[in-house]
Amino acid sequence: MTSAESTFGNNLLWFRSSYSNGAGGECVECAHTVDGTLIRDSKQAAGPVVAFRAGAWRTFVEGLGRGQLPSTDPKDLLR
């Protein structure tokens, strides 16, 4: 993970899910770049980001739309 501004500059347009209520819960923000999508914790705007290539982000979002989430079985998690 890396700081978005140090890598991509300050001109990113970040947006929050319409499901976020702004009450300080667990919200993430997204910004689209030429190469993909960046994700960060909305409470730590200057903190690290996770960068997805366009194809990986599209596959993830399409899977969410179909209700196909990855396994949450503890044996499948990285340690």
C-alpha atoms as a PDB file:
ATOM      1  CA  MET A   1       0.000   0.000   0.000  1.00  0.00           C
ATOM      2  CA  THR A   2       1.083   3.549  -0.634  1.00  0.00           C
ATOM      3  CA  SER A   3      -0.088   7.106  -0.059  1.00  0.00           C
ATOM      4  CA  ALA A   4      -2.268   8.131  -3.000  1.00  0.00           C
ATOM      5  CA  GLU A   5      -1.079  11.728  -3.156  1.00  0.00           C
ATOM      6  CA  SER A   6       2.606  10.783  -3.193  1.00  0.00           C
ATOM      7  CA  THR A   7       2.052   8.392  -6.100  1.00  0.00           C
ATOM      8  CA  PHE A   8      -0.877   9.807  -8.084  1.00  0.00           C
ATOM      9  CA  GLY A   9      -0.910  13.523  -7.148  1.00  0.00           C
ATOM     10  CA  ASN A  10      -3.546  15.663  -5.474  1.00  0.00           C
ATOM     11  CA  ASN A  11      -6.006  15.797  -8.388  1.00  0.00           C
ATOM     12  CA  LEU A  12      -7.849  12.574  -7.582  1.00  0.00           C
ATOM     13  CA  LEU A  13     -11.636  12.709  -7.241  1.00  0.00           C
ATOM     14  CA  TRP A  14     -12.553  10.518  -4.273  1.00  0.00           C
ATOM     15  CA  PHE A  15     -16.115   9.346  -3.718  1.00  0.00           C
ATOM     16  CA  ARG A  16     -17.883   7.434  -0.979  1.00  0.00           C
ATOM     17  CA  SER A  17     -20.548   4.771  -1.331  1.00  0.00           C
ATOM     18  CA  SER A  18     -24.147   5.966  -1.200  1.00  0.00           C
ATOM     19  CA  TYR A  19     -24.566   3.385   1.584  1.00  0.00           C
ATOM     20  CA  SER A  20     -22.189   5.343   3.840  1.00  0.00           C
ATOM     21  CA  ASN A  21     -24.109   7.434   6.329  1.00  0.00           C
ATOM     22  CA  GLY A  22     -21.259   9.675   7.458  1.00  0.00           C
ATOM     23  CA  ALA A  23     -21.707   8.671  11.101  1.00  0.00           C
ATOM     24  CA  GLY A  24     -18.066   7.642  11.422  1.00  0.00           C
ATOM     25  CA  GLY A  25     -18.574   3.983  10.651  1.00  0.00           C
ATOM     26  CA  GLU A  26     -16.462   1.751   8.493  1.00  0.00           C
ATOM     27  CA  CYS A  27     -16.450   3.670   5.208  1.00  0.00           C
ATOM     28  CA  VAL A  28     -14.125   3.448   2.260  1.00  0.00           C
ATOM     29  CA  GLU A  29     -13.544   5.905  -0.560  1.00  0.00           C
ATOM     30  CA  CYS A  30     -12.670   5.145  -4.180  1.00  0.00           C
ATOM     31  CA  ALA A  31     -10.861   7.111  -6.860  1.00  0.00           C
ATOM     32  CA  HIS A  32     -10.507   6.031 -10.477  1.00  0.00           C
ATOM     33  CA  THR A  33      -7.249   6.481 -12.374  1.00  0.00           C
ATOM     34  CA  VAL A  34      -6.245   5.693 -15.934  1.00  0.00           C
ATOM     35  CA  ASP A  35      -4.866   2.338 -14.775  1.00  0.00           C
ATOM     36  CA  GLY A  36      -7.467   1.266 -12.233  1.00  0.00           C
ATOM     37  CA  THR A  37      -9.136   2.097  -8.921  1.00  0.00           C
ATOM     38  CA  LEU A  38      -7.752   3.211  -5.574  1.00  0.00           C
ATOM     39  CA  ILE A  39      -9.413   2.395  -2.246  1.00  0.00           C
ATOM     40  CA  ARG A  40      -8.740   4.079   1.105  1.00  0.00           C
ATOM     41  CA  ASP A  41     -10.221   4.411   4.583  1.00  0.00           C
ATOM     42  CA  SER A  42     -12.379   7.549   4.598  1.00  0.00           C
ATOM     43  CA  LYS A  43     -11.210   8.393   8.125  1.00  0.00           C
ATOM     44  CA  GLN A  44      -7.538   8.318   7.063  1.00  0.00           C
ATOM     45  CA  ALA A  45      -7.471  10.317   3.844  1.00  0.00           C
ATOM     46  CA  ALA A  46      -3.698  10.790   4.026  1.00  0.00           C
ATOM     47  CA  GLY A  47      -3.153   7.136   4.890  1.00  0.00           C
ATOM     48  CA  PRO A  48      -2.346   4.164   2.687  1.00  0.00           C
ATOM     49  CA  VAL A  49      -4.366   3.081  -0.333  1.00  0.00           C
ATOM     50  CA  VAL A  50      -4.946  -0.232  -2.052  1.00  0.00           C
ATOM     51  CA  ALA A  51      -4.586  -0.050  -5.840  1.00  0.00           C
ATOM     52  CA  PHE A  52      -6.511  -2.382  -8.159  1.00  0.00           C
ATOM     53  CA  ARG A  53      -5.841  -2.743 -11.873  1.00  0.00           C
ATOM     54  CA  ALA A  54      -8.966  -2.007 -13.920  1.00  0.00           C
ATOM     55  CA  GLY A  55      -9.698  -5.662 -14.749  1.00  0.00           C
ATOM     56  CA  ALA A  56      -9.298  -6.852 -11.161  1.00  0.00           C
ATOM     57  CA  TRP A  57     -11.589  -4.094  -9.851  1.00  0.00           C
ATOM     58  CA  ARG A  58     -14.220  -4.870 -12.498  1.00  0.00           C
ATOM     59  CA  THR A  59     -14.139  -8.581 -11.610  1.00  0.00           C
ATOM     60  CA  PHE A  60     -14.471  -7.773  -7.903  1.00  0.00           C
ATOM     61  CA  VAL A  61     -17.429  -5.399  -8.387  1.00  0.00           C
ATOM     62  CA  GLU A  62     -19.199  -7.785 -10.780  1.00  0.00           C
ATOM     63  CA  GLY A  63     -18.759 -10.603  -8.256  1.00  0.00           C
ATOM     64  CA  LEU A  64     -20.279  -8.445  -5.522  1.00  0.00           C
ATOM     65  CA  GLY A  65     -23.232  -7.692  -7.785  1.00  0.00           C
ATOM     66  CA  ARG A  66     -23.843 -11.416  -8.250  1.00  0.00           C
ATOM     67  CA  GLY A  67     -23.477 -12.126  -4.526  1.00  0.00           C
ATOM     68  CA  GLN A  68     -20.243 -14.036  -5.104  1.00  0.00           C
ATOM     69  CA  LEU A  69     -17.984 -13.058  -2.239  1.00  0.00           C
ATOM     70  CA  PRO A  70     -14.716 -14.819  -1.518  1.00  0.00           C
ATOM     71  CA  SER A  71     -14.601 -17.371   1.255  1.00  0.00           C
ATOM     72  CA  THR A  72     -14.323 -16.049   4.791  1.00  0.00           C
ATOM     73  CA  ASP A  73     -13.331 -19.430   6.168  1.00  0.00           C
ATOM     74  CA  PRO A  74     -10.274 -18.833   8.425  1.00  0.00           C
ATOM     75  CA  LYS A  75      -8.320 -21.598   6.670  1.00  0.00           C
ATOM     76  CA  ASP A  76      -8.515 -19.557   3.438  1.00  0.00           C
ATOM     77  CA  LEU A  77      -7.036 -16.368   4.922  1.00  0.00           C
ATOM     78  CA  LEU A  78      -3.418 -15.324   4.451  1.00  0.00           C
ATOM     79  CA  ARG A  79      -1.399 -15.387   7.638  1.00  0.00           C
END
